[in-house]
C-alpha cells in the first residue's frame, strides 16, 4: 500500500510539473500576441515612453480609428486590400487542398513506376526555404505572364510540397483493404478518392487549410505585383511600417493586430486537427 501511495504521489507531482512547464512555455508563446494587442491600445505618449512599459495605462481605440481614416484617404480603398487578401487566401487554399490531395492519393495508394523518385523529390524540396527558390520562381512566373497578377501568389502555393507530404503520409495510414473493397464494389478511383479517402483524412486537409491560409494571408505581394489596386493587406501594412514616424507608430501597431486576427481565429478552432495530423505524418514537435 505504501508503494502504491508513493507511486500516486510521484504521478501527481509529475503531472503538476508538466502542467507548470507547459504553462510557462505557452505563456512565452502567447506573449508576442498580447504585446501586439497592448501596443495597439496605447496612446501616442505611451508608445515612446522611456523606460518602455509592457502594460497600457490609458487604453484607447484611437490607433484603429486613425488607421481607417488614413486608409480611407488613399486612392485605393482599404476594403480593396482586404478583398484582395481574402480572394488570394481563400482561392489559393481551396486549390492547394484539391491539388495536394489529388497528388498525394496515387503516391499513397497506387503503385507506378517512379513513385519512389517522386517521393524523394518532395522530401528534398522541404529542405529549401522560400528565399532559395525566389529567383527561379520569379523567372517561371514571368515566362508564364503571371507577373502583376494575383496568380503569381496563388499558383506557387497550390503545389506545396509540405501539403502533399502531409496528405500522403496521412493517406498511407488508411487500410488498403478499404480501397480494395471499394474497387470490388465497382467504385472508380475518383469516386473512391472523393467519398472514402477524403472524409477519412479530414484532419490532414484541415491542417493544409490552416497552414496554406496562414501563409497566403500573411504573405506580401513582394516583387510579383506592382499595381496598387492588386496589392493585399500585408503589403499595405509594410508600406505603413516603412513610412513609420512618431505619428504613424500607433497606426502600424493597429494594422498588425488587424492582420493577425483571421489566422488566429482559424487556428484556434482547428488546432486539434493539426496535432492529429502531425502525429500520423511522422512529424515530431
Protein backbone atom coordinates (compact mmCIF):
# COMPACT_ATOMS: atom_id res chain seq x y z
CA UNK A 1 0.00 0.00 0.00
CA UNK A 2 2.86 2.35 0.78
CA UNK A 3 4.43 1.69 -2.62
CA UNK A 4 1.11 2.43 -4.36
CA UNK A 5 0.77 5.64 -2.37
CA UNK A 6 4.29 6.72 -3.31
CA UNK A 7 3.63 5.99 -6.99
CA UNK A 8 0.47 8.06 -6.89
CA UNK A 9 2.33 10.89 -5.19
CA UNK A 10 5.09 10.77 -7.81
CA UNK A 11 2.44 10.69 -10.54
CA UNK A 12 0.67 13.76 -9.16
CA UNK A 13 3.98 15.58 -8.76
CA UNK A 14 4.98 14.71 -12.31
CA UNK A 15 1.64 15.88 -13.69
CA UNK A 16 1.87 19.18 -11.82
CA UNK A 17 5.44 19.70 -13.01
CA UNK A 18 4.40 19.01 -16.60
CA UNK A 19 1.42 21.36 -16.34
CA UNK A 20 3.64 24.09 -14.88
CA UNK A 21 6.23 23.62 -17.61
CA UNK A 22 3.63 23.70 -20.41
CA UNK A 23 2.03 26.78 -18.83
CA UNK A 24 5.36 28.59 -18.87
CA UNK A 25 6.06 27.58 -22.47
CA UNK A 26 2.54 28.59 -23.52
CA UNK A 27 2.95 31.95 -21.77
CA UNK A 28 6.13 32.70 -23.72
CA UNK A 29 4.41 31.72 -26.97
CA UNK A 30 1.33 33.88 -26.40
CA UNK A 31 3.37 36.84 -25.10
CA UNK A 32 4.00 38.40 -28.56
CA UNK A 33 0.27 38.37 -29.33
CA UNK A 34 -0.56 40.06 -26.04
CA UNK A 35 2.21 42.61 -26.58
CA UNK A 36 0.89 43.45 -30.07
CA UNK A 37 -2.62 43.99 -28.74
CA UNK A 38 -1.37 46.17 -25.87
CA UNK A 39 0.77 48.24 -28.25
CA UNK A 40 -2.24 48.91 -30.47
CA UNK A 41 -4.21 50.19 -27.47
CA UNK A 42 -1.52 52.60 -26.25
CA UNK A 43 -1.92 56.34 -26.85
CA UNK A 44 0.93 58.22 -28.51
CA UNK A 45 2.53 59.36 -25.26
CA UNK A 46 2.82 55.74 -24.02
CA UNK A 47 4.31 54.30 -27.21
CA UNK A 48 7.57 56.21 -26.80
CA UNK A 49 7.81 56.39 -23.05
CA UNK A 50 11.21 55.52 -21.54
CA UNK A 51 11.72 53.12 -19.97
CA UNK A 52 9.07 51.31 -22.02
CA UNK A 53 6.08 49.85 -20.19
CA UNK A 54 4.58 46.47 -21.10
CA UNK A 55 1.03 47.21 -19.93
CA UNK A 56 -1.09 50.07 -21.18
CA UNK A 57 -2.22 52.68 -18.65
CA UNK A 58 -4.81 54.59 -20.66
CA UNK A 59 -6.16 52.23 -23.34
CA UNK A 60 -7.67 53.82 -26.42
CA UNK A 61 -9.06 52.78 -29.79
CA UNK A 62 -7.66 55.89 -31.40
CA UNK A 63 -4.99 53.96 -33.29
CA UNK A 64 -7.66 51.87 -35.03
CA UNK A 65 -9.67 54.99 -35.86
CA UNK A 66 -6.54 56.64 -37.29
CA UNK A 67 -5.86 53.50 -39.33
CA UNK A 68 -9.25 53.63 -41.03
CA UNK A 69 -9.03 57.39 -41.53
CA UNK A 70 -5.59 57.06 -43.10
CA UNK A 71 -6.62 54.22 -45.40
CA UNK A 72 -9.83 55.96 -46.43
CA UNK A 73 -7.75 58.87 -47.72
CA UNK A 74 -5.81 56.57 -50.07
CA UNK A 75 -6.74 56.44 -53.74
CA UNK A 76 -7.17 52.67 -53.35
CA UNK A 77 -9.89 51.94 -50.74
CA UNK A 78 -8.94 49.95 -47.66
CA UNK A 79 -11.69 47.46 -48.47
CA UNK A 80 -9.89 46.65 -51.73
CA UNK A 81 -6.79 45.46 -49.86
CA UNK A 82 -8.97 43.30 -47.61
CA UNK A 83 -10.90 41.80 -50.53
CA UNK A 84 -7.64 41.06 -52.36
CA UNK A 85 -6.27 39.25 -49.30
CA UNK A 86 -9.46 37.25 -48.89
CA UNK A 87 -9.55 36.33 -52.58
CA UNK A 88 -5.91 35.22 -52.68
CA UNK A 89 -6.09 33.33 -49.38
CA UNK A 90 -9.40 31.53 -49.95
CA UNK A 91 -8.86 30.60 -53.60
CA UNK A 92 -5.25 29.57 -53.00
CA UNK A 93 -6.26 27.46 -50.01
CA UNK A 94 -9.03 25.64 -51.87
CA UNK A 95 -6.79 24.89 -54.83
CA UNK A 96 -3.98 23.78 -52.54
CA UNK A 97 -6.21 21.26 -50.76
CA UNK A 98 -7.53 19.92 -54.07
CA UNK A 99 -4.17 19.63 -55.84
CA UNK A 100 -2.22 18.28 -52.86
CA UNK A 101 -4.92 15.69 -52.16
CA UNK A 102 -5.07 14.54 -55.79
CA UNK A 103 -1.28 14.36 -55.88
CA UNK A 104 -0.98 12.52 -52.56
CA UNK A 105 -3.57 9.84 -53.30
CA UNK A 106 -1.65 7.97 -56.04
CA UNK A 107 1.60 8.30 -54.07
CA UNK A 108 -0.04 6.73 -51.02
CA UNK A 109 -2.29 4.06 -52.55
CA UNK A 110 -1.07 3.28 -56.06
CA UNK A 111 1.98 1.50 -57.40
CA UNK A 112 3.54 3.01 -60.51
CA UNK A 113 6.97 3.47 -61.98
CA UNK A 114 8.93 6.35 -60.48
CA UNK A 115 6.81 6.69 -57.34
CA UNK A 116 9.82 6.43 -55.03
CA UNK A 117 11.64 9.10 -57.03
CA UNK A 118 8.69 11.48 -56.76
CA UNK A 119 8.50 10.90 -53.01
CA UNK A 120 12.20 11.69 -52.59
CA UNK A 121 11.86 14.85 -54.65
CA UNK A 122 9.03 16.01 -52.41
CA UNK A 123 11.01 15.30 -49.24
CA UNK A 124 14.13 17.04 -50.59
CA UNK A 125 12.10 20.09 -51.63
CA UNK A 126 11.08 20.54 -47.99
CA UNK A 127 14.69 21.47 -47.21
CA UNK A 128 14.55 24.69 -49.25
CA UNK A 129 13.10 27.91 -47.86
CA UNK A 130 11.24 30.43 -49.98
CA UNK A 131 14.28 32.72 -50.33
CA UNK A 132 16.26 29.98 -52.11
CA UNK A 133 13.62 29.46 -54.80
CA UNK A 134 12.58 33.11 -55.12
CA UNK A 135 14.59 33.90 -58.26
CA UNK A 136 13.70 30.71 -60.21
CA UNK A 137 10.08 31.15 -59.18
CA UNK A 138 10.08 34.75 -60.40
CA UNK A 139 11.55 33.68 -63.75
CA UNK A 140 8.87 31.00 -64.15
CA UNK A 141 6.08 33.42 -63.24
CA UNK A 142 7.48 35.93 -65.73
CA UNK A 143 7.65 33.36 -68.54
CA UNK A 144 4.03 32.38 -67.83
CA UNK A 145 2.91 36.01 -67.90
CA UNK A 146 1.73 35.96 -64.29
CA UNK A 147 3.72 38.94 -63.01
CA UNK A 148 1.47 41.75 -61.77
CA UNK A 149 -1.46 39.35 -61.40
CA UNK A 150 -2.84 37.57 -58.35
CA UNK A 151 -1.96 34.25 -59.97
CA UNK A 152 1.68 34.92 -59.10
CA UNK A 153 0.78 34.50 -55.41
CA UNK A 154 -1.88 31.80 -55.76
CA UNK A 155 -0.25 29.23 -58.03
CA UNK A 156 3.04 28.79 -56.09
CA UNK A 157 1.01 27.90 -53.02
CA UNK A 158 -1.13 25.37 -54.89
CA UNK A 159 1.57 22.74 -55.38
CA UNK A 160 3.01 22.91 -51.89
CA UNK A 161 5.49 20.15 -51.04
CA UNK A 162 4.54 20.27 -47.38
CA UNK A 163 0.84 19.88 -48.19
CA UNK A 164 1.47 16.88 -50.44
CA UNK A 165 3.79 15.37 -47.81
CA UNK A 166 1.19 15.70 -45.06
CA UNK A 167 -1.65 14.36 -47.16
CA UNK A 168 0.39 11.46 -48.50
CA UNK A 169 1.58 10.31 -45.05
CA UNK A 170 -1.91 10.56 -43.61
CA UNK A 171 -3.47 8.67 -46.53
CA UNK A 172 -0.88 5.93 -46.09
CA UNK A 173 -2.44 5.16 -42.70
CA UNK A 174 -5.72 4.14 -44.33
CA UNK A 175 -6.11 0.34 -44.67
CA UNK A 176 -5.52 -0.96 -48.18
CA UNK A 177 -8.50 -3.28 -47.66
CA UNK A 178 -10.73 -0.22 -47.61
CA UNK A 179 -9.56 0.82 -51.07
CA UNK A 180 -9.74 -2.74 -52.40
CA UNK A 181 -13.30 -3.14 -51.11
CA UNK A 182 -14.30 -0.01 -52.99
CA UNK A 183 -12.76 -1.38 -56.19
CA UNK A 184 -14.66 -4.65 -55.78
CA UNK A 185 -17.88 -2.66 -55.48
CA UNK A 186 -17.12 -1.03 -58.82
CA UNK A 187 -16.02 2.35 -57.46
CA UNK A 188 -13.71 4.37 -59.70
CA UNK A 189 -10.52 5.97 -58.39
CA UNK A 190 -12.13 9.41 -58.42
CA UNK A 191 -15.21 8.20 -56.53
CA UNK A 192 -13.07 6.31 -54.03
CA UNK A 193 -10.98 9.43 -53.52
CA UNK A 194 -13.96 11.73 -53.02
CA UNK A 195 -16.30 9.52 -50.98
CA UNK A 196 -13.94 7.29 -48.99
CA UNK A 197 -10.44 8.74 -48.78
CA UNK A 198 -11.15 12.44 -48.25
CA UNK A 199 -13.71 12.01 -45.43
CA UNK A 200 -11.25 9.73 -43.59
CA UNK A 201 -8.35 12.18 -43.86
CA UNK A 202 -10.28 15.22 -42.68
CA UNK A 203 -7.67 16.20 -40.04
CA UNK A 204 -4.99 16.26 -42.75
CA UNK A 205 -6.76 18.53 -45.20
CA UNK A 206 -7.98 20.80 -42.41
CA UNK A 207 -4.32 21.18 -41.42
CA UNK A 208 -3.48 22.04 -45.03
CA UNK A 209 -6.27 24.63 -44.97
CA UNK A 210 -4.83 26.26 -41.85
CA UNK A 211 -1.21 26.28 -42.97
CA UNK A 212 -1.97 27.46 -46.51
CA UNK A 213 -4.42 30.14 -45.41
CA UNK A 214 -1.98 31.46 -42.83
CA UNK A 215 0.86 31.54 -45.35
CA UNK A 216 -1.15 33.32 -48.03
CA UNK A 217 -2.83 35.76 -45.66
CA UNK A 218 0.50 36.91 -44.17
CA UNK A 219 2.45 36.98 -47.43
CA UNK A 220 3.02 40.30 -49.11
CA UNK A 221 2.92 40.83 -52.85
CA UNK A 222 6.68 41.45 -52.96
CA UNK A 223 8.14 41.74 -56.45
CA UNK A 224 5.26 39.91 -58.11
CA UNK A 225 2.57 42.61 -58.07
CA UNK A 226 3.16 46.29 -58.84
CA UNK A 227 -0.35 47.60 -59.42
CA UNK A 228 -1.62 49.18 -56.23
CA UNK A 229 -5.20 48.00 -56.80
CA UNK A 230 -3.99 44.37 -56.79
CA UNK A 231 -1.94 44.54 -53.60
CA UNK A 232 -3.09 42.88 -50.39
CA UNK A 233 -3.32 43.78 -46.72
CA UNK A 234 0.20 42.68 -45.64
CA UNK A 235 1.66 44.91 -48.35
CA UNK A 236 -0.33 47.86 -47.05
CA UNK A 237 0.94 47.12 -43.54
CA UNK A 238 4.50 47.02 -44.85
CA UNK A 239 4.04 50.36 -46.58
CA UNK A 240 2.68 51.93 -43.42
CA UNK A 241 5.50 50.48 -41.31
CA UNK A 242 8.14 51.58 -43.83
CA UNK A 243 6.95 55.17 -43.54
CA UNK A 244 6.56 54.82 -39.80
CA UNK A 245 7.15 58.00 -37.85
CA UNK A 246 6.07 59.18 -34.45
CA UNK A 247 2.59 59.88 -35.81
CA UNK A 248 2.16 56.53 -37.57
CA UNK A 249 3.63 54.14 -34.98
CA UNK A 250 0.23 53.55 -33.39
CA UNK A 251 -1.34 53.01 -36.82
CA UNK A 252 1.24 50.34 -37.64
CA UNK A 253 0.53 48.57 -34.33
CA UNK A 254 -3.22 48.61 -35.01
CA UNK A 255 -2.68 47.28 -38.54
CA UNK A 256 -0.56 44.42 -37.18
CA UNK A 257 -3.37 43.36 -34.84
CA UNK A 258 -5.93 43.60 -37.61
CA UNK A 259 -3.74 41.42 -39.80
CA UNK A 260 -3.23 38.62 -37.28
CA UNK A 261 -6.91 38.15 -36.33
CA UNK A 262 -8.06 35.79 -39.18
CA UNK A 263 -5.17 33.26 -38.91
CA UNK A 264 -5.52 33.10 -35.13
CA UNK A 265 -9.28 32.66 -35.41
CA UNK A 266 -8.89 29.81 -37.93
CA UNK A 267 -6.18 28.09 -35.90
CA UNK A 268 -7.96 28.23 -32.53
CA UNK A 269 -10.96 26.32 -33.87
CA UNK A 270 -8.87 23.69 -35.66
CA UNK A 271 -5.75 23.18 -33.56
CA UNK A 272 -6.69 19.62 -32.52
CA UNK A 273 -6.68 18.57 -36.19
CA UNK A 274 -3.12 19.85 -36.59
CA UNK A 275 -1.89 17.79 -33.63
CA UNK A 276 -3.56 14.66 -35.01
CA UNK A 277 -2.11 15.19 -38.49
CA UNK A 278 1.42 15.75 -37.21
CA UNK A 279 1.19 12.56 -35.15
CA UNK A 280 0.12 10.45 -38.14
CA UNK A 281 2.52 12.17 -40.56
CA UNK A 282 5.63 11.33 -38.58
CA UNK A 283 6.42 14.96 -37.70
CA UNK A 284 7.53 15.37 -34.12
CA UNK A 285 7.21 18.68 -32.37
